[in-house]
Protein backbone atom coordinates (compact mmCIF):
# COMPACT_ATOMS: atom_id res chain seq x y z
CA MET A 1 83.73 101.51 125.72
CA PRO A 2 86.82 103.68 126.37
CA GLN A 3 86.79 106.81 124.18
CA GLY A 4 89.08 106.66 121.15
CA LYS A 5 88.97 102.87 120.60
CA GLN A 6 86.05 102.82 117.94
CA PRO A 7 87.59 105.67 115.90
CA ALA A 8 91.05 103.85 115.97
CA ARG A 9 89.12 100.64 114.80
CA ALA A 10 87.40 102.63 111.99
CA ARG A 11 90.77 104.13 110.87
CA ASP A 12 92.38 100.68 110.77
CA ALA A 13 89.25 99.57 108.62
CA GLU A 14 89.62 102.44 106.26
CA LEU A 15 93.38 101.89 106.11
CA GLY A 16 92.96 98.22 105.36
CA ALA A 17 90.52 99.00 102.50
CA ALA A 18 92.95 101.48 100.99
CA VAL A 19 95.87 99.06 101.22
CA ALA A 20 93.67 96.40 99.41
CA ARG A 21 92.90 98.93 96.53
CA ALA A 22 96.50 100.10 96.43
CA ARG A 23 97.90 96.50 96.20
CA ASP A 24 95.67 96.12 93.09
CA GLY A 25 97.31 99.21 91.57
CA ASP A 26 95.07 102.12 92.69
CA GLU A 27 97.51 104.98 92.80
CA ALA A 28 95.08 107.24 94.60
CA ALA A 29 94.55 104.59 97.21
CA PHE A 30 98.29 104.41 97.83
CA GLY A 31 98.17 108.27 98.50
CA VAL A 32 95.50 107.56 101.10
CA VAL A 33 97.64 104.95 102.63
CA TYR A 34 100.58 107.29 102.66
CA ARG A 35 98.67 110.19 104.42
CA MET A 36 97.28 107.92 106.96
CA VAL A 37 100.41 106.25 107.89
CA GLN A 38 103.22 108.63 107.43
CA PRO A 39 102.73 110.98 110.48
CA GLY A 40 103.12 108.19 112.81
CA LEU A 41 105.87 106.63 111.01
CA LEU A 42 107.74 109.87 110.78
CA GLY A 43 107.31 110.48 114.53
CA TYR A 44 108.71 107.06 115.21
CA LEU A 45 111.75 107.55 113.05
CA ARG A 46 112.40 111.19 114.65
CA GLY A 47 112.56 109.42 117.86
CA LEU A 48 115.27 106.84 116.38
CA VAL A 49 117.31 108.95 114.02
CA GLY A 50 116.43 112.60 114.70
CA GLN A 51 116.92 115.01 111.75
CA ASP A 52 117.51 112.21 109.35
CA ALA A 53 113.87 110.91 109.88
CA GLU A 54 112.49 112.20 106.45
CA ASP A 55 115.34 110.57 104.52
CA VAL A 56 114.80 107.28 106.26
CA ALA A 57 111.07 107.46 105.83
CA SER A 58 111.61 107.94 102.05
CA GLU A 59 113.81 105.01 101.84
CA ALA A 60 111.01 103.00 103.85
CA TRP A 61 108.28 104.03 101.61
CA LEU A 62 110.26 103.01 98.51
CA GLU A 63 110.54 99.52 100.03
CA ILE A 64 106.76 99.69 101.13
CA ALA A 65 105.78 100.55 97.55
CA ARG A 66 108.11 97.86 95.94
CA ASP A 67 106.92 95.01 98.29
CA LEU A 68 103.34 96.11 98.71
CA GLY A 69 101.99 93.23 96.42
CA ARG A 70 103.38 90.77 98.93
CA PHE A 71 101.75 92.29 102.01
CA ARG A 72 98.67 90.30 103.36
CA GLY A 73 96.95 91.75 106.36
CA ASP A 74 94.49 94.38 107.65
CA GLY A 75 95.10 98.03 108.44
CA ALA A 76 96.57 97.45 111.83
CA GLY A 77 98.87 94.75 110.27
CA PHE A 78 99.90 97.24 107.71
CA ARG A 79 101.12 99.75 110.26
CA GLY A 80 103.10 97.06 111.94
CA TRP A 81 104.61 95.95 108.71
CA SER A 82 105.54 99.56 107.70
CA ALA A 83 107.12 100.23 111.03
CA THR A 84 109.19 97.07 110.68
CA ILE A 85 110.50 98.28 107.49
CA ALA A 86 111.18 101.73 108.79
CA ARG A 87 112.91 100.50 111.89
CA HIS A 88 115.29 98.32 109.61
CA ARG A 89 116.06 101.29 107.39
CA ALA A 90 116.75 103.32 110.76
CA LEU A 91 118.95 100.81 112.16
CA ASP A 92 120.90 100.61 108.87
CA LEU A 93 121.48 104.38 109.20
CA LEU A 94 122.60 103.98 112.86
CA ARG A 95 125.06 101.26 111.73
CA ARG A 96 126.45 103.53 109.15
CA ARG A 97 126.92 106.37 111.57
CA ARG A 98 128.58 103.77 113.86
CA SER A 99 126.56 105.45 116.74
CA ARG A 100 123.75 103.03 117.29
CA PRO A 101 122.42 103.56 120.80
CA VAL A 102 123.46 100.84 123.26
CA ALA A 103 120.54 99.23 124.99
CA ALA A 104 120.31 99.45 128.65
CA ALA A 105 119.69 96.12 130.53
CA LEU A 106 116.57 95.86 132.36
CA ASP A 107 117.23 95.37 136.06
CA GLY A 108 114.95 92.42 137.10
CA ASP A 109 114.23 93.81 140.60
CA LEU A 110 113.13 97.29 139.35
CA VAL A 111 110.69 96.03 136.62
CA ASP A 112 107.32 97.64 137.28
CA ARG A 113 104.03 95.98 136.49
CA PRO A 114 102.25 97.72 133.62
CA GLY A 115 99.96 100.40 135.07
CA PRO A 116 96.67 101.97 133.75
CA HIS A 117 96.56 104.05 130.62
CA SER A 118 96.63 107.19 132.59
CA THR A 119 100.42 106.94 132.60
CA HIS A 120 100.36 107.43 128.88
CA ASP A 121 97.90 110.30 129.11
CA GLN A 122 99.92 112.24 131.79
CA ALA A 123 103.10 111.95 129.82
CA LEU A 124 101.44 112.99 126.53
CA GLU A 125 99.35 115.76 127.80
CA ALA A 126 102.52 117.37 129.33
CA MET A 127 104.88 117.20 126.29
CA SER A 128 104.95 119.35 123.19
CA THR A 129 105.87 117.40 120.08
CA GLU A 130 109.52 118.32 119.81
CA GLN A 131 110.16 118.08 123.64
CA ALA A 132 108.49 114.71 123.57
CA LEU A 133 110.80 113.33 120.88
CA ALA A 134 113.92 114.88 122.35
CA LEU A 135 113.04 113.23 125.68
CA VAL A 136 112.13 109.96 124.20
CA ARG A 137 115.62 109.85 122.45
CA SER A 138 117.21 110.06 125.80
CA LEU A 139 115.55 106.84 127.11
CA PRO A 140 117.22 103.43 126.93
CA ARG A 141 116.49 102.12 123.44
CA GLU A 142 114.06 99.33 124.48
CA GLN A 143 111.91 101.92 126.34
CA ALA A 144 112.17 104.58 123.55
CA GLU A 145 111.14 102.25 120.77
CA ALA A 146 108.25 100.74 122.91
CA VAL A 147 107.07 104.33 123.74
CA LEU A 148 107.29 105.29 120.11
CA LEU A 149 105.46 102.35 118.70
CA ARG A 150 102.83 102.29 121.30
CA VAL A 151 102.06 106.00 121.48
CA VAL A 152 103.26 107.46 118.30
CA VAL A 153 102.51 104.71 115.84
CA GLY A 154 99.58 103.53 117.78
CA LEU A 155 100.33 99.77 117.78
CA ASP A 156 98.96 97.45 120.34
CA GLY A 157 101.28 95.38 122.56
CA PRO A 158 101.38 92.38 120.36
CA ALA A 159 102.00 94.41 117.17
CA ALA A 160 104.85 96.50 118.72
CA ALA A 161 106.22 93.24 119.98
CA ARG A 162 106.30 91.66 116.54
CA VAL A 163 108.14 94.76 115.21
CA LEU A 164 110.73 94.54 118.01
CA GLY A 165 111.07 90.77 118.00
CA LYS A 166 110.23 90.71 121.65
CA ARG A 167 107.44 89.39 123.91
CA PRO A 168 104.28 91.54 124.45
CA GLY A 169 104.69 91.56 128.30
CA ALA A 170 108.41 93.02 127.82
CA VAL A 171 107.16 95.68 125.45
CA ARG A 172 104.36 96.68 127.55
CA THR A 173 106.83 96.86 130.57
CA ALA A 174 109.21 98.89 128.68
CA ALA A 175 106.62 101.33 127.49
CA HIS A 176 105.35 101.71 130.95
CA ARG A 177 108.74 102.32 132.41
CA GLY A 178 109.74 104.66 129.66
CA LEU A 179 106.54 106.72 130.23
CA LYS A 180 107.10 106.69 134.00
CA ARG A 181 110.58 108.03 133.56
CA LEU A 182 109.31 110.72 131.19
CA ALA A 183 106.67 111.76 133.68
CA ARG A 184 109.27 111.99 136.40
CA ARG A 185 111.46 114.25 134.17
CA LEU A 186 108.65 116.41 133.32
CA ALA A 187 107.44 116.92 136.91
CA GLY A 188 111.04 117.84 137.71
CA ASP A 189 111.04 120.42 134.93
CA GLY A 190 107.85 121.87 136.06
CA VAL A 191 106.12 121.16 132.58
CA THR A 192 102.37 121.05 132.85
CA ALA A 193 99.40 119.70 130.88
CA GLN A 194 98.68 123.23 129.56
CA THR A 195 101.70 123.10 127.21
CA PRO A 196 100.41 123.72 123.68
CA HIS A 197 100.78 121.42 120.69
CA THR A 198 101.11 118.18 122.46
CA LEU A 199 102.23 115.00 120.75
CA ARG A 200 98.62 113.71 120.95
CA HIS A 201 97.33 117.00 119.54
CA SER A 202 99.80 116.76 116.70
CA ARG A 203 98.74 113.22 115.94
CA ARG A 204 94.96 114.32 115.97
CA ALA A 205 95.73 117.37 113.89
CA ALA A 206 97.39 115.18 111.17
CA ALA A 207 94.40 112.85 111.14
CA GLU A 208 91.96 115.78 110.81
CA SER A 209 93.89 117.39 108.06
CA ASP A 210 93.80 114.17 106.06
CA PRO A 211 91.41 114.69 103.25
CA SER A 212 90.59 110.88 103.49
CA HIS A 213 88.89 111.54 106.86
CA ARG A 214 86.65 114.23 105.69
């Protein structure tokens, strides 16, 4: 079994249990849900709206809290549901700013088949958090969102596809192409895997600092 998959399933199980308690009115459980979901959600929003991410996240959490009683699903489903809400609020902001990024069309003859997860690993290990998000924002929107949902929020292909309203294969391809583009840029800039405070390390540190995981 690949490393990391079991802990991810365990975290989703813990999150699902906390969501169920929060839905029944347990305020402490809602705090656990927030601490488990907020780091990834905020990283996703930073990739979409930059410095306005915290304001958008606050709006999203107000909606999440309001509609939690209607949510039905497990921990992984909740992460997808909350990402969908956050995305809608981010797109609302972009529309208000009249600067919504224009999606680049995918060239059919240039579409690569999704490769092994080592592409994700190489890109993550070579980027600091701020550098990563700045580079991701420079990608075509389909690629940027696919990378953020897969790598930062941690959704699988089908869940990310539901958030974006696309087919899983298209999302996997967009994520793969985006990560390949990032890897090429990093190689050109001479960035190495020794760069401290990588995006992955930031996510791990956030999880380890969460009291609910102790």
